[in-house]
């Protein structure tokens, strides 16, 4: 089941993100960051336990980002990530966003969901707002893709 994250979920969210951050696939997130943007997060919950997470973050007028997509490694391959992304896209529609982008090392996953490649240069506010904190900045090897919501 998918539900909105609550303040008490922050430690579980961080635990879901940590293995991917340790692998360098996601940016590490502090507890403070997660608490500050808790409203962005949704969870996939099974038997009262969070096993998947995603966030939709509004970044600019008409533009949002899906970030922090993670599924507990023993639960991957079951469609949880796909359903979390689909929920983020529904939320984007409800917010009136025209496009949603991702920066990812697994573009094939997002391409199968209808995302299209985009030049990172079309996302300058993203680069300066978030990417400057990344250890890989300015030599980012993630791929940028976006989805036309409207």
N, C-alpha and C. Protein backbone atom coordinates (compact mmCIF):
# COMPACT_ATOMS: atom_id res chain seq x y z
N UNK A 1 0.84 -1.18 0.00
CA UNK A 1 0.00 0.00 0.00
C UNK A 1 0.88 1.24 0.00
N UNK A 2 0.43 2.25 -0.71
CA UNK A 2 1.15 3.53 -0.76
C UNK A 2 0.45 4.51 0.17
N UNK A 3 1.25 5.22 0.95
CA UNK A 3 0.71 6.25 1.83
C UNK A 3 1.69 7.39 1.94
N UNK A 4 1.18 8.51 2.39
CA UNK A 4 2.02 9.69 2.65
C UNK A 4 2.91 9.41 3.86
N UNK A 5 4.11 9.91 3.79
CA UNK A 5 5.03 9.76 4.91
C UNK A 5 4.62 10.67 6.05
N UNK A 6 4.95 10.24 7.25
CA UNK A 6 4.71 11.02 8.46
C UNK A 6 6.06 11.26 9.17
N UNK A 7 6.06 12.18 10.09
CA UNK A 7 7.30 12.54 10.79
C UNK A 7 7.98 11.31 11.39
N UNK A 8 7.20 10.42 11.95
CA UNK A 8 7.77 9.23 12.57
C UNK A 8 8.42 8.27 11.59
N UNK A 9 8.22 8.48 10.29
CA UNK A 9 8.80 7.61 9.27
C UNK A 9 10.22 8.00 8.88
N UNK A 10 10.69 9.15 9.32
CA UNK A 10 11.98 9.65 8.85
C UNK A 10 13.12 8.67 9.09
N UNK A 11 13.26 8.07 10.27
CA UNK A 11 14.36 7.10 10.42
C UNK A 11 14.25 5.92 9.44
N UNK A 12 13.06 5.45 9.18
CA UNK A 12 12.87 4.35 8.23
C UNK A 12 13.21 4.80 6.81
N UNK A 13 12.85 6.03 6.46
CA UNK A 13 13.19 6.56 5.14
C UNK A 13 14.71 6.62 4.99
N UNK A 14 15.38 7.14 5.99
CA UNK A 14 16.83 7.23 5.92
C UNK A 14 17.45 5.84 5.80
N UNK A 15 16.89 4.86 6.50
CA UNK A 15 17.41 3.49 6.42
C UNK A 15 17.20 2.90 5.03
N UNK A 16 16.09 3.23 4.37
CA UNK A 16 15.87 2.75 3.00
C UNK A 16 16.85 3.40 2.02
N UNK A 17 17.16 4.66 2.22
CA UNK A 17 18.05 5.39 1.32
C UNK A 17 19.52 5.05 1.52
N UNK A 18 19.90 4.74 2.75
CA UNK A 18 21.31 4.58 3.11
C UNK A 18 22.07 3.57 2.23
N UNK A 19 21.55 2.36 1.98
CA UNK A 19 22.34 1.43 1.15
C UNK A 19 22.62 1.99 -0.25
N UNK A 20 21.67 2.71 -0.81
CA UNK A 20 21.86 3.29 -2.14
C UNK A 20 22.82 4.48 -2.09
N UNK A 21 22.77 5.24 -1.02
CA UNK A 21 23.72 6.34 -0.84
C UNK A 21 25.13 5.78 -0.65
N UNK A 22 25.25 4.69 0.11
CA UNK A 22 26.56 4.07 0.32
C UNK A 22 27.16 3.56 -1.00
N UNK A 23 26.30 3.15 -1.93
CA UNK A 23 26.75 2.68 -3.25
C UNK A 23 27.02 3.84 -4.20
N UNK A 24 26.67 5.06 -3.80
CA UNK A 24 26.85 6.22 -4.65
C UNK A 24 25.76 6.39 -5.69
N UNK A 25 24.65 5.71 -5.51
CA UNK A 25 23.54 5.77 -6.47
C UNK A 25 22.57 6.90 -6.12
N UNK A 26 22.45 7.23 -4.86
CA UNK A 26 21.62 8.34 -4.39
C UNK A 26 22.48 9.25 -3.52
N UNK A 27 22.05 10.52 -3.43
CA UNK A 27 22.71 11.42 -2.49
C UNK A 27 22.35 11.02 -1.07
N UNK A 28 23.32 11.06 -0.17
CA UNK A 28 22.96 10.80 1.23
C UNK A 28 22.08 11.93 1.75
N UNK A 29 21.16 11.60 2.61
CA UNK A 29 20.23 12.59 3.18
C UNK A 29 20.33 12.55 4.69
N UNK A 30 20.53 13.71 5.27
CA UNK A 30 20.57 13.81 6.73
C UNK A 30 19.15 13.74 7.28
N UNK A 31 19.06 13.43 8.55
CA UNK A 31 17.75 13.44 9.20
C UNK A 31 17.11 14.82 9.09
N UNK A 32 17.91 15.86 9.24
CA UNK A 32 17.37 17.23 9.16
C UNK A 32 16.75 17.48 7.79
N UNK A 33 17.44 17.08 6.71
CA UNK A 33 16.89 17.26 5.36
C UNK A 33 15.58 16.51 5.20
N UNK A 34 15.55 15.29 5.69
CA UNK A 34 14.34 14.47 5.54
C UNK A 34 13.17 15.06 6.32
N UNK A 35 13.42 15.52 7.53
CA UNK A 35 12.35 16.16 8.30
C UNK A 35 11.83 17.41 7.59
N UNK A 36 12.75 18.19 7.02
CA UNK A 36 12.36 19.44 6.36
C UNK A 36 11.47 19.21 5.14
N UNK A 37 11.66 18.10 4.46
CA UNK A 37 10.88 17.87 3.24
C UNK A 37 9.99 16.63 3.34
N UNK A 38 9.56 16.30 4.54
CA UNK A 38 8.75 15.10 4.75
C UNK A 38 7.49 15.09 3.90
N UNK A 39 6.94 16.26 3.61
CA UNK A 39 5.71 16.32 2.81
C UNK A 39 5.92 15.85 1.37
N UNK A 40 7.16 15.78 0.92
CA UNK A 40 7.45 15.30 -0.44
C UNK A 40 7.34 13.78 -0.56
N UNK A 41 7.43 13.07 0.55
CA UNK A 41 7.62 11.63 0.53
C UNK A 41 6.33 10.81 0.57
N UNK A 42 6.41 9.69 -0.17
CA UNK A 42 5.40 8.64 -0.06
C UNK A 42 6.14 7.34 0.25
N UNK A 43 5.42 6.42 0.86
CA UNK A 43 6.00 5.14 1.23
C UNK A 43 5.18 3.99 0.68
N UNK A 44 5.86 2.91 0.36
CA UNK A 44 5.21 1.64 0.10
C UNK A 44 5.36 0.85 1.40
N UNK A 45 4.23 0.45 1.94
CA UNK A 45 4.24 -0.21 3.24
C UNK A 45 3.68 -1.61 3.10
N UNK A 46 4.33 -2.56 3.74
CA UNK A 46 3.86 -3.94 3.82
C UNK A 46 3.90 -4.37 5.27
N UNK A 47 2.77 -4.84 5.75
CA UNK A 47 2.66 -5.33 7.12
C UNK A 47 3.22 -4.32 8.12
N UNK A 48 2.89 -3.05 7.91
CA UNK A 48 3.30 -1.99 8.82
C UNK A 48 4.74 -1.54 8.70
N UNK A 49 5.45 -2.05 7.70
CA UNK A 49 6.87 -1.70 7.54
C UNK A 49 7.09 -1.02 6.19
N UNK A 50 7.83 0.08 6.21
CA UNK A 50 8.18 0.79 4.97
C UNK A 50 9.23 -0.02 4.22
N UNK A 51 8.90 -0.41 2.97
CA UNK A 51 9.85 -1.16 2.15
C UNK A 51 10.20 -0.43 0.87
N UNK A 52 9.56 0.70 0.61
CA UNK A 52 9.86 1.52 -0.55
C UNK A 52 9.55 2.97 -0.26
N UNK A 53 10.26 3.85 -0.96
CA UNK A 53 10.09 5.29 -0.72
C UNK A 53 10.35 6.04 -2.02
N UNK A 54 9.68 7.16 -2.17
CA UNK A 54 9.94 8.08 -3.27
C UNK A 54 9.49 9.46 -2.81
N UNK A 55 10.04 10.48 -3.47
CA UNK A 55 9.65 11.85 -3.16
C UNK A 55 9.42 12.61 -4.46
N UNK A 56 8.41 13.45 -4.44
CA UNK A 56 8.17 14.40 -5.52
C UNK A 56 8.44 15.78 -4.94
N UNK A 57 9.42 16.44 -5.52
CA UNK A 57 9.83 17.75 -5.01
C UNK A 57 9.60 18.81 -6.09
N UNK A 58 8.81 19.81 -5.79
CA UNK A 58 8.60 20.91 -6.72
C UNK A 58 9.87 21.75 -6.74
N UNK A 59 10.43 21.95 -7.95
CA UNK A 59 11.71 22.65 -8.05
C UNK A 59 11.61 24.01 -8.71
N UNK A 60 10.58 24.21 -9.50
CA UNK A 60 10.44 25.45 -10.26
C UNK A 60 9.01 25.51 -10.74
N UNK A 61 8.61 26.65 -11.25
CA UNK A 61 7.26 26.78 -11.78
C UNK A 61 7.01 25.71 -12.84
N UNK A 62 6.05 24.86 -12.59
CA UNK A 62 5.67 23.83 -13.55
C UNK A 62 6.60 22.63 -13.62
N UNK A 63 7.62 22.58 -12.76
CA UNK A 63 8.63 21.53 -12.84
C UNK A 63 8.83 20.88 -11.48
N UNK A 64 8.87 19.57 -11.48
CA UNK A 64 9.15 18.82 -10.26
C UNK A 64 10.19 17.75 -10.51
N UNK A 65 10.70 17.20 -9.44
CA UNK A 65 11.71 16.15 -9.52
C UNK A 65 11.25 14.96 -8.69
N UNK A 66 11.40 13.79 -9.26
CA UNK A 66 11.25 12.57 -8.46
C UNK A 66 12.63 12.24 -7.95
N UNK A 67 12.72 12.14 -6.65
CA UNK A 67 14.01 11.86 -6.01
C UNK A 67 13.83 10.82 -4.92
N UNK A 68 14.94 10.33 -4.44
CA UNK A 68 14.94 9.40 -3.31
C UNK A 68 14.11 8.15 -3.56
N UNK A 69 14.10 7.67 -4.78
CA UNK A 69 13.39 6.43 -5.08
C UNK A 69 14.25 5.27 -4.63
N UNK A 70 13.72 4.51 -3.69
CA UNK A 70 14.47 3.37 -3.16
C UNK A 70 13.49 2.29 -2.70
N UNK A 71 13.86 1.07 -2.97
CA UNK A 71 13.08 -0.09 -2.53
C UNK A 71 14.05 -0.99 -1.77
N UNK A 72 13.61 -1.48 -0.63
CA UNK A 72 14.47 -2.38 0.14
C UNK A 72 14.97 -3.48 -0.79
N UNK A 73 16.24 -3.77 -0.72
CA UNK A 73 16.87 -4.62 -1.72
C UNK A 73 16.27 -6.02 -1.81
N UNK A 74 15.73 -6.54 -0.74
CA UNK A 74 15.10 -7.86 -0.83
C UNK A 74 13.68 -7.80 -1.39
N UNK A 75 13.20 -6.60 -1.72
CA UNK A 75 11.85 -6.42 -2.26
C UNK A 75 11.87 -5.90 -3.70
N UNK A 76 13.04 -5.76 -4.30
CA UNK A 76 13.11 -5.23 -5.66
C UNK A 76 12.56 -6.25 -6.67
N UNK A 77 12.20 -5.73 -7.84
CA UNK A 77 11.70 -6.60 -8.90
C UNK A 77 10.24 -6.97 -8.80
N UNK A 78 9.51 -6.32 -7.89
CA UNK A 78 8.10 -6.64 -7.68
C UNK A 78 7.16 -5.53 -8.13
N UNK A 79 7.69 -4.48 -8.77
CA UNK A 79 6.86 -3.39 -9.25
C UNK A 79 6.63 -2.28 -8.25
N UNK A 80 7.28 -2.34 -7.11
CA UNK A 80 7.08 -1.32 -6.08
C UNK A 80 7.61 0.03 -6.56
N UNK A 81 8.81 0.05 -7.12
CA UNK A 81 9.37 1.30 -7.63
C UNK A 81 8.50 1.91 -8.71
N UNK A 82 8.02 1.08 -9.62
CA UNK A 82 7.15 1.57 -10.70
C UNK A 82 5.89 2.21 -10.13
N UNK A 83 5.29 1.55 -9.16
CA UNK A 83 4.06 2.10 -8.57
C UNK A 83 4.32 3.38 -7.79
N UNK A 84 5.46 3.47 -7.15
CA UNK A 84 5.80 4.71 -6.45
C UNK A 84 5.98 5.86 -7.45
N UNK A 85 6.65 5.59 -8.56
CA UNK A 85 6.83 6.63 -9.58
C UNK A 85 5.48 7.03 -10.16
N UNK A 86 4.62 6.07 -10.44
CA UNK A 86 3.29 6.39 -10.97
C UNK A 86 2.51 7.27 -10.00
N UNK A 87 2.63 7.00 -8.71
CA UNK A 87 1.94 7.84 -7.73
C UNK A 87 2.52 9.25 -7.72
N UNK A 88 3.84 9.35 -7.84
CA UNK A 88 4.45 10.68 -7.92
C UNK A 88 3.94 11.44 -9.14
N UNK A 89 3.77 10.77 -10.25
CA UNK A 89 3.27 11.42 -11.46
C UNK A 89 1.82 11.86 -11.29
N UNK A 90 1.02 11.05 -10.61
CA UNK A 90 -0.36 11.47 -10.31
C UNK A 90 -0.36 12.69 -9.40
N UNK A 91 0.51 12.70 -8.42
CA UNK A 91 0.63 13.85 -7.52
C UNK A 91 1.08 15.09 -8.29
N UNK A 92 1.98 14.91 -9.24
CA UNK A 92 2.45 16.02 -10.07
C UNK A 92 1.29 16.62 -10.87
N UNK A 93 0.46 15.76 -11.42
CA UNK A 93 -0.73 16.22 -12.16
C UNK A 93 -1.62 17.04 -11.24
N UNK A 94 -1.86 16.53 -10.04
CA UNK A 94 -2.73 17.22 -9.09
C UNK A 94 -2.15 18.58 -8.69
N UNK A 95 -0.83 18.70 -8.66
CA UNK A 95 -0.18 19.97 -8.32
C UNK A 95 -0.15 20.94 -9.49
N UNK A 96 -0.44 20.47 -10.68
CA UNK A 96 -0.39 21.32 -11.85
C UNK A 96 0.98 21.42 -12.48
N UNK A 97 1.86 20.47 -12.19
CA UNK A 97 3.19 20.47 -12.80
C UNK A 97 3.08 20.02 -14.25
N UNK A 98 3.87 20.64 -15.12
CA UNK A 98 3.86 20.24 -16.53
C UNK A 98 4.89 19.15 -16.83
N UNK A 99 6.01 19.17 -16.09
CA UNK A 99 7.08 18.19 -16.31
C UNK A 99 7.64 17.73 -14.98
N UNK A 100 8.11 16.50 -15.01
CA UNK A 100 8.81 15.92 -13.86
C UNK A 100 10.11 15.33 -14.39
N UNK A 101 11.21 15.61 -13.71
CA UNK A 101 12.48 15.06 -14.16
C UNK A 101 13.10 14.16 -13.10
N UNK A 102 14.06 13.38 -13.56
CA UNK A 102 14.88 12.55 -12.68
C UNK A 102 16.32 12.66 -13.13
N UNK A 103 17.22 12.51 -12.21
CA UNK A 103 18.64 12.30 -12.49
C UNK A 103 18.93 10.89 -11.98
N UNK A 104 19.44 10.03 -12.86
CA UNK A 104 19.48 8.62 -12.50
C UNK A 104 20.64 7.87 -13.14
N UNK A 105 21.02 6.78 -12.50
CA UNK A 105 21.97 5.82 -13.06
C UNK A 105 21.26 4.64 -13.70
N UNK A 106 19.95 4.60 -13.60
CA UNK A 106 19.16 3.51 -14.20
C UNK A 106 18.12 4.09 -15.15
N UNK A 107 18.58 4.70 -16.25
CA UNK A 107 17.63 5.35 -17.16
C UNK A 107 16.62 4.38 -17.78
N UNK A 108 17.02 3.13 -17.99
CA UNK A 108 16.11 2.17 -18.60
C UNK A 108 14.81 2.00 -17.82
N UNK A 109 14.90 2.04 -16.51
CA UNK A 109 13.71 1.92 -15.66
C UNK A 109 12.74 3.06 -15.98
N UNK A 110 13.24 4.28 -16.03
CA UNK A 110 12.38 5.44 -16.27
C UNK A 110 11.94 5.53 -17.73
N UNK A 111 12.79 5.10 -18.66
CA UNK A 111 12.39 5.10 -20.07
C UNK A 111 11.18 4.18 -20.27
N UNK A 112 11.15 3.04 -19.59
CA UNK A 112 10.00 2.13 -19.69
C UNK A 112 8.72 2.75 -19.14
N UNK A 113 8.85 3.76 -18.30
CA UNK A 113 7.68 4.44 -17.72
C UNK A 113 7.28 5.68 -18.52
N UNK A 114 7.93 5.92 -19.65
CA UNK A 114 7.54 7.03 -20.50
C UNK A 114 8.39 8.28 -20.37
N UNK A 115 9.45 8.24 -19.59
CA UNK A 115 10.36 9.37 -19.48
C UNK A 115 11.20 9.45 -20.74
N UNK A 116 11.64 10.67 -21.07
CA UNK A 116 12.46 10.92 -22.25
C UNK A 116 13.76 11.59 -21.82
N UNK A 117 14.86 11.29 -22.52
CA UNK A 117 16.13 11.96 -22.18
C UNK A 117 16.03 13.47 -22.38
N UNK A 118 16.75 14.20 -21.54
CA UNK A 118 16.81 15.65 -21.63
C UNK A 118 18.23 16.09 -21.30
N UNK A 119 18.67 17.16 -21.91
CA UNK A 119 19.99 17.71 -21.62
C UNK A 119 19.95 18.35 -20.23
N UNK A 120 20.94 18.05 -19.41
CA UNK A 120 21.00 18.62 -18.05
C UNK A 120 21.05 20.14 -18.07
N UNK A 121 21.51 20.69 -19.17
CA UNK A 121 21.57 22.14 -19.30
C UNK A 121 20.20 22.80 -19.26
N UNK A 122 19.15 22.02 -19.49
CA UNK A 122 17.80 22.56 -19.40
C UNK A 122 17.31 22.58 -17.95
N UNK A 123 18.13 22.13 -17.02
CA UNK A 123 17.76 22.09 -15.61
C UNK A 123 18.75 22.89 -14.77
N UNK A 124 19.08 24.12 -15.14
CA UNK A 124 20.14 24.85 -14.42
C UNK A 124 19.82 25.10 -12.96
N UNK A 125 18.59 25.40 -12.63
CA UNK A 125 18.24 25.64 -11.23
C UNK A 125 18.49 24.39 -10.40
N UNK A 126 18.27 23.21 -10.96
CA UNK A 126 18.53 21.97 -10.26
C UNK A 126 20.02 21.83 -9.97
N UNK A 127 20.84 22.11 -10.96
CA UNK A 127 22.27 21.95 -10.80
C UNK A 127 22.77 22.78 -9.63
N UNK A 128 22.34 24.03 -9.53
CA UNK A 128 22.84 24.90 -8.49
C UNK A 128 22.16 24.68 -7.16
N UNK A 129 20.94 24.24 -7.16
CA UNK A 129 20.21 24.09 -5.89
C UNK A 129 20.62 22.83 -5.13
N UNK A 130 20.88 21.76 -5.82
CA UNK A 130 21.08 20.47 -5.15
C UNK A 130 22.42 19.83 -5.53
N UNK A 131 22.74 19.88 -6.80
CA UNK A 131 23.88 19.12 -7.29
C UNK A 131 25.21 19.63 -6.75
N UNK A 132 25.30 20.88 -6.38
CA UNK A 132 26.57 21.40 -5.87
C UNK A 132 26.99 20.70 -4.58
N UNK A 133 26.05 20.03 -3.91
CA UNK A 133 26.39 19.30 -2.68
C UNK A 133 26.94 17.91 -2.96
N UNK A 134 26.83 17.47 -4.20
CA UNK A 134 27.22 16.11 -4.56
C UNK A 134 28.73 16.01 -4.72
N UNK A 135 29.31 14.89 -4.29
CA UNK A 135 30.75 14.69 -4.42
C UNK A 135 31.17 14.57 -5.88
N UNK A 136 30.23 14.30 -6.77
CA UNK A 136 30.55 14.14 -8.19
C UNK A 136 30.42 15.44 -8.97
N UNK A 137 29.97 16.50 -8.33
CA UNK A 137 29.81 17.78 -9.01
C UNK A 137 31.19 18.38 -9.27
N UNK A 138 31.46 18.92 -10.43
CA UNK A 138 30.57 19.16 -11.57
C UNK A 138 30.64 18.08 -12.65
N UNK A 139 31.31 16.98 -12.36
CA UNK A 139 31.44 15.90 -13.35
C UNK A 139 30.40 14.83 -13.05
N UNK A 140 29.16 15.15 -13.31
CA UNK A 140 28.05 14.25 -13.01
C UNK A 140 27.89 13.24 -14.13
N UNK A 141 27.75 11.98 -13.74
CA UNK A 141 27.55 10.94 -14.75
C UNK A 141 26.14 10.36 -14.70
N UNK A 142 25.24 11.03 -13.98
CA UNK A 142 23.85 10.62 -14.00
C UNK A 142 23.20 11.08 -15.31
N UNK A 143 22.16 10.39 -15.71
CA UNK A 143 21.41 10.79 -16.89
C UNK A 143 20.16 11.54 -16.46
N UNK A 144 19.83 12.56 -17.21
CA UNK A 144 18.63 13.35 -16.94
C UNK A 144 17.53 12.90 -17.90
N UNK A 145 16.35 12.69 -17.33
CA UNK A 145 15.17 12.35 -18.12
C UNK A 145 14.00 13.14 -17.56
N UNK A 146 13.01 13.37 -18.43
CA UNK A 146 11.80 14.01 -17.92
C UNK A 146 10.57 13.42 -18.53
N UNK A 147 9.46 13.71 -17.88
CA UNK A 147 8.15 13.18 -18.24
C UNK A 147 7.21 14.36 -18.42
N UNK A 148 6.52 14.38 -19.55
CA UNK A 148 5.54 15.43 -19.82
C UNK A 148 4.24 15.04 -19.11
N UNK A 149 3.90 15.74 -18.06
CA UNK A 149 2.73 15.40 -17.24
C UNK A 149 1.44 15.81 -17.92
N UNK A 150 1.40 17.05 -18.44
CA UNK A 150 0.17 17.58 -19.01
C UNK A 150 -0.18 16.94 -20.33
